[in-house]
Amino acid sequence: MSYRLRLQRKRWRIRAFRKRRELSEVANRTAQIKPGDIVAFTTLRNEKVRLEYFLKYYRRLGVDHFVMVDNASDDGSREYLADQPDVSLWGSAGSYKRSRFGVDWLNWLQWQYGHGHWCLTVDPDEFLVYPFCDTRPIRALTDWLDASSIKSFSAMLLDMYPKGPIDAFPYNSGQDPFEIASWFDSGNYTTMRNHKFGNLWIQGGPRARAFFPDRPERAPALNKIPLVKWHRQYTYVSSTHMLLPRGLNAVYDEWGGEKASGILLHAKFLDTFSQKSAEELERRQHYANSHEYRAYHERLKDNPDLWCKWSERYINWRQLEILGLMSKGNWA
């Protein structure tokens, strides 16, 4: 198994090297990246309305530089990002699907610019919450991880949604999306271990409840490992769900204790979602011929309300810890 996984890791790295030809520089400011800087990596398409708050949020947490790939946006995303002084931007008109949903592009850029840095890999609708994030910058977390010889930090994706139809609350650029999408499912999650890669596989929440009630095993995975002390030998395998070497996926305690973990608040379900899902359904660039987006389209055209009587309103990270959705481990 170890030998096969080493071969697979080498194959993914070679694939990323080849896929670099699909990337073209738009604004390369990576010379600004200093030793010890925390670098965020993102792939996007037509996310202009989200970008102002996304950058503001992660700058406030302490991210030093953003390395981003724009996949043929036509809404002004590329022009907006090209003007940001702490953003290095690449463009690609290549197939998102054939780049393994952007993983090949980011694996190459992480190989180039992430080595030796703590790298945060997130989508424009994902917002990291970690223990003490209201009082401590992300560098406090990475310093503690370094001191504890921990190289990767996990975060469960938590789908957020409004109370009422998702298209009833207009979202404006620069606005905190969780002023609108402030509710989440506090339970309804299943966890199993992936024996090949050693990671946990988490499913559930509103997407399983509302979109895959009859086949919950087809619901999207919610387990992510977004924060990694990067090395050129590393590679993401499937989104940020798992990495190689497989030891990076050991982000949980097998002996009954708890390791520190976070949450990615997922601001997917805003009023922009219906248009986005229709576009992605037509493009067919997502996993399994966009079966996920077909489920979204069928469910939301009749009833665009994800709220239910068991929904809970988000307060802060301590609430998520009490609910068992994240843990501060032995970080105090």
C-alpha atoms as a PDB file:
ATOM      1  CA  MET A   1       0.000   0.000   0.000  1.00  0.00           C
ATOM      2  CA  SER A   2       2.751   2.474   0.945  1.00  0.00           C
ATOM      3  CA  TYR A   3       4.580   1.787  -2.316  1.00  0.00           C
ATOM      4  CA  ARG A   4       1.416   2.279  -4.388  1.00  0.00           C
ATOM      5  CA  LEU A   5       0.650   5.548  -2.603  1.00  0.00           C
ATOM      6  CA  ARG A   6       4.173   6.823  -3.221  1.00  0.00           C
ATOM      7  CA  LEU A   7       3.725   6.076  -6.923  1.00  0.00           C
ATOM      8  CA  GLN A   8       0.359   7.821  -6.897  1.00  0.00           C
ATOM      9  CA  ARG A   9       1.844  10.886  -5.196  1.00  0.00           C
ATOM     10  CA  LYS A  10       4.588  11.016  -7.825  1.00  0.00           C
ATOM     11  CA  ARG A  11       1.985  10.710 -10.569  1.00  0.00           C
ATOM     12  CA  TRP A  12      -0.070  13.623  -9.171  1.00  0.00           C
ATOM     13  CA  ARG A  13       3.043  15.790  -8.937  1.00  0.00           C
ATOM     14  CA  ILE A  14       4.001  15.004 -12.539  1.00  0.00           C
ATOM     15  CA  ARG A  15       0.446  15.775 -13.612  1.00  0.00           C
ATOM     16  CA  ALA A  16       0.592  19.147 -11.828  1.00  0.00           C
ATOM     17  CA  PHE A  17       3.900  19.886 -13.575  1.00  0.00           C
ATOM     18  CA  ARG A  18       2.257  19.250 -16.938  1.00  0.00           C
ATOM     19  CA  LYS A  19      -0.868  21.251 -16.098  1.00  0.00           C
ATOM     20  CA  ARG A  20       1.271  24.340 -15.399  1.00  0.00           C
ATOM     21  CA  ARG A  21       1.054  25.012 -19.159  1.00  0.00           C
ATOM     22  CA  GLU A  22      -2.623  25.860 -18.716  1.00  0.00           C
ATOM     23  CA  LEU A  23      -1.748  28.754 -16.382  1.00  0.00           C
ATOM     24  CA  SER A  24      -0.827  32.245 -17.514  1.00  0.00           C
ATOM     25  CA  GLU A  25       0.435  35.026 -15.252  1.00  0.00           C
ATOM     26  CA  VAL A  26      -1.927  37.930 -14.742  1.00  0.00           C
ATOM     27  CA  ALA A  27      -0.229  39.595 -11.748  1.00  0.00           C
ATOM     28  CA  ASN A  28       2.734  37.831 -10.159  1.00  0.00           C
ATOM     29  CA  ARG A  29       3.689  39.481  -6.860  1.00  0.00           C
ATOM     30  CA  THR A  30       5.140  36.365  -5.231  1.00  0.00           C
ATOM     31  CA  ALA A  31       8.462  38.178  -4.751  1.00  0.00           C
ATOM     32  CA  GLN A  32       6.690  39.858  -1.814  1.00  0.00           C
ATOM     33  CA  ILE A  33       6.317  36.514   0.004  1.00  0.00           C
ATOM     34  CA  LYS A  34       8.774  36.456   2.910  1.00  0.00           C
ATOM     35  CA  PRO A  35      10.004  33.481   4.938  1.00  0.00           C
ATOM     36  CA  GLY A  36       7.382  32.600   7.510  1.00  0.00           C
ATOM     37  CA  ASP A  37       4.493  34.244   5.644  1.00  0.00           C
ATOM     38  CA  ILE A  38       1.117  32.511   5.664  1.00  0.00           C
ATOM     39  CA  VAL A  39      -0.124  32.055   2.083  1.00  0.00           C
ATOM     40  CA  ALA A  40      -3.695  31.366   0.929  1.00  0.00           C
ATOM     41  CA  PHE A  41      -4.414  29.447  -2.297  1.00  0.00           C
ATOM     42  CA  THR A  42      -7.723  29.668  -4.149  1.00  0.00           C
ATOM     43  CA  THR A  43      -9.331  28.696  -7.445  1.00  0.00           C
ATOM     44  CA  LEU A  44     -12.390  30.634  -8.576  1.00  0.00           C
ATOM     45  CA  ARG A  45     -14.742  31.491 -11.400  1.00  0.00           C
ATOM     46  CA  ASN A  46     -17.198  34.417 -11.421  1.00  0.00           C
ATOM     47  CA  GLU A  47     -16.999  35.219  -7.704  1.00  0.00           C
ATOM     48  CA  LYS A  48     -16.645  39.006  -7.890  1.00  0.00           C
ATOM     49  CA  VAL A  49     -19.471  39.643  -5.425  1.00  0.00           C
ATOM     50  CA  ARG A  50     -17.724  37.525  -2.765  1.00  0.00           C
ATOM     51  CA  LEU A  51     -14.140  38.672  -3.142  1.00  0.00           C
ATOM     52  CA  GLU A  52     -14.157  41.920  -1.165  1.00  0.00           C
ATOM     53  CA  TYR A  53     -15.307  40.263   2.065  1.00  0.00           C
ATOM     54  CA  PHE A  54     -13.236  37.122   1.429  1.00  0.00           C
ATOM     55  CA  LEU A  55     -10.007  39.137   1.238  1.00  0.00           C
ATOM     56  CA  LYS A  56     -11.003  41.325   4.178  1.00  0.00           C
ATOM     57  CA  TYR A  57     -11.779  38.298   6.357  1.00  0.00           C
ATOM     58  CA  TYR A  58      -8.487  36.514   5.738  1.00  0.00           C
ATOM     59  CA  ARG A  59      -6.396  39.664   5.912  1.00  0.00           C
ATOM     60  CA  ARG A  60      -7.904  40.284   9.329  1.00  0.00           C
ATOM     61  CA  LEU A  61      -6.978  36.752  10.409  1.00  0.00           C
ATOM     62  CA  GLY A  62      -3.388  37.390   9.342  1.00  0.00           C
ATOM     63  CA  VAL A  63      -2.946  35.819   5.895  1.00  0.00           C
ATOM     64  CA  ASP A  64       0.043  37.565   4.286  1.00  0.00           C
ATOM     65  CA  HIS A  65      -0.401  36.738   0.596  1.00  0.00           C
ATOM     66  CA  PHE A  66      -2.984  35.237  -1.741  1.00  0.00           C
ATOM     67  CA  VAL A  67      -2.121  33.009  -4.707  1.00  0.00           C
ATOM     68  CA  MET A  68      -5.205  32.618  -6.890  1.00  0.00           C
ATOM     69  CA  VAL A  69      -6.276  31.014 -10.163  1.00  0.00           C
ATOM     70  CA  ASP A  70      -9.114  32.566 -12.148  1.00  0.00           C
ATOM     71  CA  ASN A  71     -10.836  30.042 -14.422  1.00  0.00           C
ATOM     72  CA  ALA A  72     -12.127  32.291 -17.238  1.00  0.00           C
ATOM     73  CA  SER A  73     -14.314  34.629 -15.178  1.00  0.00           C
ATOM     74  CA  ASP A  74     -16.367  37.163 -17.130  1.00  0.00           C
ATOM     75  CA  ASP A  75     -17.855  39.112 -14.192  1.00  0.00           C
ATOM     76  CA  GLY A  76     -14.852  41.311 -13.356  1.00  0.00           C
ATOM     77  CA  SER A  77     -13.227  38.934 -10.851  1.00  0.00           C
ATOM     78  CA  ARG A  78      -9.935  38.871 -12.734  1.00  0.00           C
ATOM     79  CA  GLU A  79      -9.666  42.647 -13.037  1.00  0.00           C
ATOM     80  CA  TYR A  80     -10.559  43.148  -9.366  1.00  0.00           C
ATOM     81  CA  LEU A  81      -7.962  40.658  -8.126  1.00  0.00           C
ATOM     82  CA  ALA A  82      -5.258  41.934 -10.452  1.00  0.00           C
ATOM     83  CA  ASP A  83      -5.477  45.308  -8.656  1.00  0.00           C
ATOM     84  CA  GLN A  84      -5.043  43.874  -5.142  1.00  0.00           C
ATOM     85  CA  PRO A  85      -1.515  44.523  -3.799  1.00  0.00           C
ATOM     86  CA  ASP A  86      -1.255  41.235  -1.863  1.00  0.00           C
ATOM     87  CA  VAL A  87      -2.689  38.970  -4.576  1.00  0.00           C
ATOM     88  CA  SER A  88      -0.720  36.983  -7.157  1.00  0.00           C
ATOM     89  CA  LEU A  89      -3.086  35.927  -9.910  1.00  0.00           C
ATOM     90  CA  TRP A  90      -2.950  33.340 -12.651  1.00  0.00           C
ATOM     91  CA  GLY A  91      -5.589  32.798 -15.293  1.00  0.00           C
ATOM     92  CA  SER A  92      -6.638  29.614 -17.043  1.00  0.00           C
ATOM     93  CA  ALA A  93      -9.145  28.892 -19.764  1.00  0.00           C
ATOM     94  CA  GLY A  94      -8.517  25.164 -19.290  1.00  0.00           C
ATOM     95  CA  SER A  95     -11.079  22.625 -18.181  1.00  0.00           C
ATOM     96  CA  TYR A  96     -11.811  22.798 -14.461  1.00  0.00           C
ATOM     97  CA  LYS A  97     -12.882  19.152 -14.576  1.00  0.00           C
ATOM     98  CA  ARG A  98      -9.724  17.974 -16.363  1.00  0.00           C
ATOM     99  CA  SER A  99      -7.556  19.825 -13.860  1.00  0.00           C
ATOM    100  CA  ARG A 100      -9.142  17.608 -11.191  1.00  0.00           C
ATOM    101  CA  PHE A 101     -11.364  20.519 -10.182  1.00  0.00           C
ATOM    102  CA  GLY A 102      -8.457  22.938  -9.847  1.00  0.00           C
ATOM    103  CA  VAL A 103      -6.301  20.627  -7.691  1.00  0.00           C
ATOM    104  CA  ASP A 104      -3.619  20.224 -10.389  1.00  0.00           C
ATOM    105  CA  TRP A 105      -3.259  23.987 -10.820  1.00  0.00           C
ATOM    106  CA  LEU A 106      -2.956  24.636  -7.091  1.00  0.00           C
ATOM    107  CA  ASN A 107      -0.606  21.689  -6.538  1.00  0.00           C
ATOM    108  CA  TRP A 108       1.755  23.288  -9.043  1.00  0.00           C
ATOM    109  CA  LEU A 109       1.532  26.743  -7.468  1.00  0.00           C
ATOM    110  CA  GLN A 110       1.993  25.286  -3.982  1.00  0.00           C
ATOM    111  CA  TRP A 111       5.072  23.436  -5.247  1.00  0.00           C
ATOM    112  CA  GLN A 112       6.399  26.760  -6.562  1.00  0.00           C
ATOM    113  CA  TYR A 113       5.425  29.192  -3.818  1.00  0.00           C
ATOM    114  CA  GLY A 114       4.189  27.234  -0.789  1.00  0.00           C
ATOM    115  CA  HIS A 115       7.289  25.251   0.189  1.00  0.00           C
ATOM    116  CA  GLY A 116       8.160  25.927   3.833  1.00  0.00           C
ATOM    117  CA  HIS A 117       5.054  28.056   4.424  1.00  0.00           C
ATOM    118  CA  TRP A 118       1.817  27.407   6.218  1.00  0.00           C
ATOM    119  CA  CYS A 119      -0.612  27.240   3.296  1.00  0.00           C
ATOM    120  CA  LEU A 120      -4.359  27.773   3.601  1.00  0.00           C
ATOM    121  CA  THR A 121      -6.352  26.325   0.683  1.00  0.00           C
ATOM    122  CA  VAL A 122      -9.961  27.543   0.600  1.00  0.00           C
ATOM    123  CA  ASP A 123     -12.721  28.460  -1.844  1.00  0.00           C
ATOM    124  CA  PRO A 124     -14.125  32.011  -1.948  1.00  0.00           C
ATOM    125  CA  ASP A 125     -17.200  30.841  -0.010  1.00  0.00           C
ATOM    126  CA  GLU A 126     -15.235  29.119   2.791  1.00  0.00           C
ATOM    127  CA  PHE A 127     -14.289  30.959   5.995  1.00  0.00           C
ATOM    128  CA  LEU A 128     -11.999  29.324   8.533  1.00  0.00           C
ATOM    129  CA  VAL A 129     -13.009  29.407  12.184  1.00  0.00           C
ATOM    130  CA  TYR A 130     -10.540  27.955  14.692  1.00  0.00           C
ATOM    131  CA  PRO A 131     -10.256  27.971  18.499  1.00  0.00           C
ATOM    132  CA  PHE A 132      -9.759  31.508  19.867  1.00  0.00           C
ATOM    133  CA  CYS A 133     -10.051  33.045  16.375  1.00  0.00           C
ATOM    134  CA  ASP A 134     -11.920  35.972  17.916  1.00  0.00           C
ATOM    135  CA  THR A 135      -8.839  36.953  19.943  1.00  0.00           C
ATOM    136  CA  ARG A 136      -5.824  35.291  18.279  1.00  0.00           C
ATOM    137  CA  PRO A 137      -4.528  35.661  14.705  1.00  0.00           C
ATOM    138  CA  ILE A 138      -3.934  32.614  12.546  1.00  0.00           C
ATOM    139  CA  ARG A 139      -0.197  32.947  13.209  1.00  0.00           C
ATOM    140  CA  ALA A 140      -0.849  32.078  16.865  1.00  0.00           C
ATOM    141  CA  LEU A 141      -2.424  28.852  15.637  1.00  0.00           C
ATOM    142  CA  THR A 142       0.408  28.011  13.227  1.00  0.00           C
ATOM    143  CA  ASP A 143       3.035  28.835  15.888  1.00  0.00           C
ATOM    144  CA  TRP A 144       1.335  26.401  18.257  1.00  0.00           C
ATOM    145  CA  LEU A 145       1.127  23.757  15.511  1.00  0.00           C
ATOM    146  CA  ASP A 146       4.854  24.224  14.813  1.00  0.00           C
ATOM    147  CA  ALA A 147       5.709  23.931  18.494  1.00  0.00           C
ATOM    148  CA  SER A 148       3.603  20.755  18.691  1.00  0.00           C
ATOM    149  CA  SER A 149       5.218  19.282  15.535  1.00  0.00           C
ATOM    150  CA  ILE A 150       1.806  19.154  13.823  1.00  0.00           C
ATOM    151  CA  LYS A 151       1.928  19.675  10.051  1.00  0.00           C
ATOM    152  CA  SER A 152      -1.761  19.748   9.118  1.00  0.00           C
ATOM    153  CA  PHE A 153      -4.958  21.152  10.612  1.00  0.00           C
ATOM    154  CA  SER A 154      -8.454  19.903   9.792  1.00  0.00           C
ATOM    155  CA  ALA A 155     -11.747  21.762   9.542  1.00  0.00           C
ATOM    156  CA  MET A 156     -15.223  20.400   8.890  1.00  0.00           C
ATOM    157  CA  LEU A 157     -17.235  22.212   6.248  1.00  0.00           C
ATOM    158  CA  LEU A 158     -20.367  23.613   7.884  1.00  0.00           C
ATOM    159  CA  ASP A 159     -23.108  24.616   5.438  1.00  0.00           C
ATOM    160  CA  MET A 160     -24.755  27.889   6.453  1.00  0.00           C
ATOM    161  CA  TYR A 161     -28.156  29.071   5.218  1.00  0.00           C
ATOM    162  CA  PRO A 162     -30.773  31.759   5.901  1.00  0.00           C
ATOM    163  CA  LYS A 163     -34.110  31.327   7.617  1.00  0.00           C
ATOM    164  CA  GLY A 164     -36.485  31.387   4.681  1.00  0.00           C
ATOM    165  CA  PRO A 165     -35.993  31.116   0.920  1.00  0.00           C
ATOM    166  CA  ILE A 166     -32.343  31.607   0.007  1.00  0.00           C
ATOM    167  CA  ASP A 167     -33.256  34.019  -2.801  1.00  0.00           C
ATOM    168  CA  ALA A 168     -35.250  36.301  -0.486  1.00  0.00           C
ATOM    169  CA  PHE A 169     -32.200  38.039   1.032  1.00  0.00           C
ATOM    170  CA  PRO A 170     -30.011  39.933  -1.463  1.00  0.00           C
ATOM    171  CA  TYR A 171     -26.274  39.721  -0.801  1.00  0.00           C
ATOM    172  CA  ASN A 172     -24.134  42.784  -1.543  1.00  0.00           C
ATOM    173  CA  SER A 173     -20.408  42.926  -2.238  1.00  0.00           C
ATOM    174  CA  GLY A 174     -18.394  43.476   0.940  1.00  0.00           C
ATOM    175  CA  GLN A 175     -21.177  42.270   3.235  1.00  0.00           C
ATOM    176  CA  ASP A 176     -20.591  39.613   5.885  1.00  0.00           C
ATOM    177  CA  PRO A 177     -22.479  36.646   4.356  1.00  0.00           C
ATOM    178  CA  PHE A 178     -23.289  35.277   7.791  1.00  0.00           C
ATOM    179  CA  GLU A 179     -25.511  38.237   8.492  1.00  0.00           C
ATOM    180  CA  ILE A 180     -27.816  36.440   6.043  1.00  0.00           C
ATOM    181  CA  ALA A 181     -26.776  32.774   6.144  1.00  0.00           C
ATOM    182  CA  SER A 182     -26.628  32.511   9.926  1.00  0.00           C
ATOM    183  CA  TRP A 183     -28.196  29.064  10.492  1.00  0.00           C
ATOM    184  CA  PHE A 184     -26.724  25.553  10.394  1.00  0.00           C
ATOM    185  CA  ASP A 185     -27.507  21.926  11.237  1.00  0.00           C
ATOM    186  CA  SER A 186     -26.078  21.136  14.662  1.00  0.00           C
ATOM    187  CA  GLY A 187     -26.430  17.379  14.144  1.00  0.00           C
ATOM    188  CA  ASN A 188     -27.182  14.922  11.348  1.00  0.00           C
ATOM    189  CA  TYR A 189     -23.533  14.057  10.542  1.00  0.00           C
ATOM    190  CA  THR A 190     -21.924  10.677   9.881  1.00  0.00           C
ATOM    191  CA  THR A 191     -18.232   9.846  10.068  1.00  0.00           C
ATOM    192  CA  MET A 192     -16.288   6.899   8.689  1.00  0.00           C
ATOM    193  CA  ARG A 193     -12.611   6.211   8.127  1.00  0.00           C
ATOM    194  CA  ASN A 194     -11.088   5.949   4.665  1.00  0.00           C
ATOM    195  CA  HIS A 195      -8.663   3.068   5.144  1.00  0.00           C
ATOM    196  CA  LYS A 196      -6.679   3.761   1.984  1.00  0.00           C
ATOM    197  CA  PHE A 197      -5.749   7.361   2.805  1.00  0.00           C
ATOM    198  CA  GLY A 198      -6.333   7.296   6.560  1.00  0.00           C
ATOM    199  CA  ASN A 199      -8.620  10.339   6.583  1.00  0.00           C
ATOM    200  CA  LEU A 200     -12.090  10.699   8.053  1.00  0.00           C
ATOM    201  CA  TRP A 201     -15.023  10.949   5.648  1.00  0.00           C
ATOM    202  CA  ILE A 202     -17.805  13.194   6.988  1.00  0.00           C
ATOM    203  CA  GLN A 203     -21.231  13.655   5.389  1.00  0.00           C
ATOM    204  CA  GLY A 204     -24.544  15.113   6.440  1.00  0.00           C
ATOM    205  CA  GLY A 205     -25.945  18.546   7.191  1.00  0.00           C
ATOM    206  CA  PRO A 206     -28.511  20.361   5.061  1.00  0.00           C
ATOM    207  CA  ARG A 207     -27.143  19.095   1.765  1.00  0.00           C
ATOM    208  CA  ALA A 208     -27.676  15.466   2.790  1.00  0.00           C
ATOM    209  CA  ARG A 209     -30.992  16.289   4.477  1.00  0.00           C
ATOM    210  CA  ALA A 210     -32.488  18.401   1.693  1.00  0.00           C
ATOM    211  CA  PHE A 211     -30.823  17.245  -1.531  1.00  0.00           C
ATOM    212  CA  PHE A 212     -29.954  13.578  -0.962  1.00  0.00           C
ATOM    213  CA  PRO A 213     -32.547  12.345   1.571  1.00  0.00           C
ATOM    214  CA  ASP A 214     -32.935   8.976  -0.175  1.00  0.00           C
ATOM    215  CA  ARG A 215     -29.241   8.468  -0.970  1.00  0.00           C
ATOM    216  CA  PRO A 216     -27.263  10.219   1.804  1.00  0.00           C
ATOM    217  CA  GLU A 217     -24.107   8.354   0.752  1.00  0.00           C
ATOM    218  CA  ARG A 218     -24.038  10.554  -2.374  1.00  0.00           C
ATOM    219  CA  ALA A 219     -24.017  13.768  -0.344  1.00  0.00           C
ATOM    220  CA  PRO A 220     -20.855  15.901  -0.613  1.00  0.00           C
ATOM    221  CA  ALA A 221     -17.959  15.200   1.730  1.00  0.00           C
ATOM    222  CA  LEU A 222     -17.528  17.748   4.516  1.00  0.00           C
ATOM    223  CA  ASN A 223     -14.077  16.736   5.790  1.00  0.00           C
ATOM    224  CA  LYS A 224     -11.279  19.119   4.807  1.00  0.00           C
ATOM    225  CA  ILE A 225      -7.614  19.685   5.667  1.00  0.00           C
ATOM    226  CA  PRO A 226      -7.195  23.289   4.540  1.00  0.00           C
ATOM    227  CA  LEU A 227      -4.132  24.345   6.560  1.00  0.00           C
ATOM    228  CA  VAL A 228      -0.821  22.562   5.897  1.00  0.00           C
ATOM    229  CA  LYS A 229       2.860  23.324   6.538  1.00  0.00           C
ATOM    230  CA  TRP A 230       3.693  22.747   2.890  1.00  0.00           C
ATOM    231  CA  HIS A 231       6.558  20.765   1.421  1.00  0.00           C
ATOM    232  CA  ARG A 232       7.300  20.212  -2.263  1.00  0.00           C
ATOM    233  CA  GLN A 233       6.781  16.475  -1.765  1.00  0.00           C
ATOM    234  CA  TYR A 234       3.156  16.980  -0.699  1.00  0.00           C
ATOM    235  CA  THR A 235       0.105  16.868  -2.933  1.00  0.00           C
ATOM    236  CA  TYR A 236      -3.629  17.201  -2.502  1.00  0.00           C
ATOM    237  CA  VAL A 237      -5.486  14.193  -3.885  1.00  0.00           C
ATOM    238  CA  SER A 238      -9.146  15.238  -3.963  1.00  0.00           C
ATOM    239  CA  SER A 239      -9.945  18.887  -3.299  1.00  0.00           C
ATOM    240  CA  THR A 240      -8.690  19.463   0.257  1.00  0.00           C
ATOM    241  CA  HIS A 241     -10.351  16.283   1.510  1.00  0.00           C
ATOM    242  CA  MET A 242      -7.080  14.346   1.686  1.00  0.00           C
ATOM    243  CA  LEU A 243      -3.372  14.569   0.971  1.00  0.00           C
ATOM    244  CA  LEU A 244      -0.313  12.470   0.334  1.00  0.00           C
ATOM    245  CA  PRO A 245       1.764  11.458   2.216  1.00  0.00           C
ATOM    246  CA  ARG A 246      -1.130   9.864   4.076  1.00  0.00           C
ATOM    247  CA  GLY A 247       0.308  10.803   7.493  1.00  0.00           C
ATOM    248  CA  LEU A 248      -0.953  14.345   6.880  1.00  0.00           C
ATOM    249  CA  ASN A 249      -4.502  12.972   7.065  1.00  0.00           C
ATOM    250  CA  ALA A 250      -4.060  11.801  10.683  1.00  0.00           C
ATOM    251  CA  VAL A 251      -5.806  14.872  12.059  1.00  0.00           C
ATOM    252  CA  TYR A 252      -7.830  12.995  14.679  1.00  0.00           C
ATOM    253  CA  ASP A 253      -6.985  11.047  17.835  1.00  0.00           C
ATOM    254  CA  GLU A 254      -7.469   7.278  17.529  1.00  0.00           C
ATOM    255  CA  TRP A 255      -7.186   6.735  21.277  1.00  0.00           C
ATOM    256  CA  GLY A 256     -10.289   8.539  22.476  1.00  0.00           C
ATOM    257  CA  GLY A 257      -8.836  12.022  22.898  1.00  0.00           C
ATOM    258  CA  GLU A 258      -9.339  15.090  20.765  1.00  0.00           C
ATOM    259  CA  LYS A 259      -6.967  16.925  18.455  1.00  0.00           C
ATOM    260  CA  ALA A 260      -7.457  20.610  17.747  1.00  0.00           C
ATOM    261  CA  SER A 261      -9.670  21.233  14.732  1.00  0.00           C
ATOM    262  CA  GLY A 262     -11.640  24.022  13.124  1.00  0.00           C
ATOM    263  CA  ILE A 263     -14.673  24.740  11.003  1.00  0.00           C
ATOM    264  CA  LEU A 264     -15.036  26.137   7.502  1.00  0.00           C
ATOM    265  CA  LEU A 265     -18.219  28.204   7.527  1.00  0.00           C
ATOM    266  CA  HIS A 266     -19.644  27.598   4.049  1.00  0.00           C
ATOM    267  CA  ALA A 267     -21.491  30.584   2.588  1.00  0.00           C
ATOM    268  CA  LYS A 268     -22.761  28.722  -0.463  1.00  0.00           C
ATOM    269  CA  PHE A 269     -26.470  29.269  -0.012  1.00  0.00           C
ATOM    270  CA  LEU A 270     -26.989  32.956  -0.742  1.00  0.00           C
ATOM    271  CA  ASP A 271     -29.309  34.523  -3.317  1.00  0.00           C
ATOM    272  CA  THR A 272     -26.533  34.197  -5.917  1.00  0.00           C
ATOM    273  CA  PHE A 273     -26.696  30.404  -5.679  1.00  0.00           C
ATOM    274  CA  SER A 274     -29.562  29.746  -8.081  1.00  0.00           C
ATOM    275  CA  GLN A 275     -27.785  31.532 -10.916  1.00  0.00           C
ATOM    276  CA  LYS A 276     -24.479  29.887 -10.006  1.00  0.00           C
ATOM    277  CA  SER A 277     -25.950  26.391  -9.915  1.00  0.00           C
ATOM    278  CA  ALA A 278     -27.688  26.896 -13.277  1.00  0.00           C
ATOM    279  CA  GLU A 279     -24.374  27.992 -14.808  1.00  0.00           C
ATOM    280  CA  GLU A 280     -22.444  25.062 -13.353  1.00  0.00           C
ATOM    281  CA  LEU A 281     -25.160  22.632 -14.397  1.00  0.00           C
ATOM    282  CA  GLU A 282     -24.789  23.830 -17.968  1.00  0.00           C
ATOM    283  CA  ARG A 283     -20.960  23.779 -17.874  1.00  0.00           C
ATOM    284  CA  ARG A 284     -20.847  20.218 -16.417  1.00  0.00           C
ATOM    285  CA  GLN A 285     -17.399  20.837 -14.976  1.00  0.00           C
ATOM    286  CA  HIS A 286     -18.008  19.394 -11.522  1.00  0.00           C
ATOM    287  CA  TYR A 287     -17.666  15.966 -10.006  1.00  0.00           C
ATOM    288  CA  ALA A 288     -19.715  13.047 -11.468  1.00  0.00           C
ATOM    289  CA  ASN A 289     -21.141  15.134 -14.313  1.00  0.00           C
ATOM    290  CA  SER A 290     -22.391  17.719 -11.811  1.00  0.00           C
ATOM    291  CA  HIS A 291     -24.869  15.322 -10.146  1.00  0.00           C
ATOM    292  CA  GLU A 292     -24.628  17.522  -7.043  1.00  0.00           C
ATOM    293  CA  TYR A 293     -25.760  20.583  -8.974  1.00  0.00           C
ATOM    294  CA  ARG A 294     -28.597  18.631 -10.586  1.00  0.00           C
ATOM    295  CA  ALA A 295     -29.842  17.788  -7.093  1.00  0.00           C
ATOM    296  CA  TYR A 296     -29.582  21.455  -6.082  1.00  0.00           C
ATOM    297  CA  HIS A 297     -31.530  22.564  -9.149  1.00  0.00           C
ATOM    298  CA  GLU A 298     -34.358  20.054  -8.686  1.00  0.00           C
ATOM    299  CA  ARG A 299     -34.799  20.791  -4.986  1.00  0.00           C
ATOM    300  CA  LEU A 300     -34.499  24.570  -5.045  1.00  0.00           C
ATOM    301  CA  LYS A 301     -36.799  25.224  -7.997  1.00  0.00           C
ATOM    302  CA  ASP A 302     -39.751  24.014  -5.883  1.00  0.00           C
ATOM    303  CA  ASN A 303     -38.673  24.911  -2.359  1.00  0.00           C
ATOM    304  CA  PRO A 304     -35.633  27.184  -1.916  1.00  0.00           C
ATOM    305  CA  ASP A 305     -35.807  27.043   1.906  1.00  0.00           C
ATOM    306  CA  LEU A 306     -33.251  24.926   3.813  1.00  0.00           C
ATOM    307  CA  TRP A 307     -34.298  26.046   7.297  1.00  0.00           C
ATOM    308  CA  CYS A 308     -36.019  23.511   9.540  1.00  0.00           C
ATOM    309  CA  LYS A 309     -37.173  23.390  13.166  1.00  0.00           C
ATOM    310  CA  TRP A 310     -33.876  21.764  14.210  1.00  0.00           C
ATOM    311  CA  SER A 311     -31.718  24.527  12.706  1.00  0.00           C
ATOM    312  CA  GLU A 312     -29.446  26.430  15.075  1.00  0.00           C
ATOM    313  CA  ARG A 313     -28.286  30.019  14.789  1.00  0.00           C
ATOM    314  CA  TYR A 314     -24.523  30.601  14.687  1.00  0.00           C
ATOM    315  CA  ILE A 315     -22.980  32.549  17.566  1.00  0.00           C
ATOM    316  CA  ASN A 316     -19.237  31.874  17.741  1.00  0.00           C
ATOM    317  CA  TRP A 317     -16.550  29.180  17.776  1.00  0.00           C
ATOM    318  CA  ARG A 318     -17.241  28.256  21.401  1.00  0.00           C
ATOM    319  CA  GLN A 319     -20.779  27.248  20.450  1.00  0.00           C
ATOM    320  CA  LEU A 320     -19.342  24.935  17.769  1.00  0.00           C
ATOM    321  CA  GLU A 321     -16.958  23.420  20.306  1.00  0.00           C
ATOM    322  CA  ILE A 322     -19.786  22.743  22.770  1.00  0.00           C
ATOM    323  CA  LEU A 323     -21.720  21.010  19.977  1.00  0.00           C
ATOM    324  CA  GLY A 324     -18.708  18.802  19.249  1.00  0.00           C
ATOM    325  CA  LEU A 325     -18.200  20.129  15.712  1.00  0.00           C
ATOM    326  CA  MET A 326     -14.683  21.399  16.448  1.00  0.00           C
ATOM    327  CA  SER A 327     -12.124  21.111  19.240  1.00  0.00           C
ATOM    328  CA  LYS A 328      -9.373  23.183  20.802  1.00  0.00           C
ATOM    329  CA  GLY A 329      -7.576  19.989  21.871  1.00  0.00           C
ATOM    330  CA  ASN A 330      -4.771  20.856  24.280  1.00  0.00           C
ATOM    331  CA  TRP A 331      -4.299  24.368  22.876  1.00  0.00           C
ATOM    332  CA  ALA A 332      -5.125  26.732  25.702  1.00  0.00           C
END
